[in-house]
Amino acid sequence: MTLWWGVLGGALGCYLLKLAGLSVPRRVLDNRTVHRVAGLLPVVLLAALIVLQTFSTGTSLTVDARVAGLAVAGIAVWRRWPFLVVVGLAAATTALVRLIWPGS
């Protein structure tokens, strides 16, 4: 029952957050700084998520095969290769490093 209260609380919080976004005055939304921040915020959040998932294991920082996969993905993104190629190269690199160095 506690889980359902958490789900309902989360849904209510999301609804209230969306309602708060809809009630922001128009002059605030037309501000150039707000436009720039709103455009960059998803990129920053996604980058933070990638770094967190790559360099952490539990509560500690670690460097393992995922770093090699991330580096290859970064190069592929820099070369503007298609998204599926980027994901495939990153996964293949990580798997290859784990095959060569077990436990990494």
Foldseek 3Di string as FASTA:
>chain_A
DVVVVVVVVVVVVVVVVVVVVVPDDPVVVPDPVVVVCVVCVVVVVVVVVLCCVQQDDDHDGHHALLVVLVVQLVVCVVVVHDPVVSVVSSVVSSVVRCVVPPPD
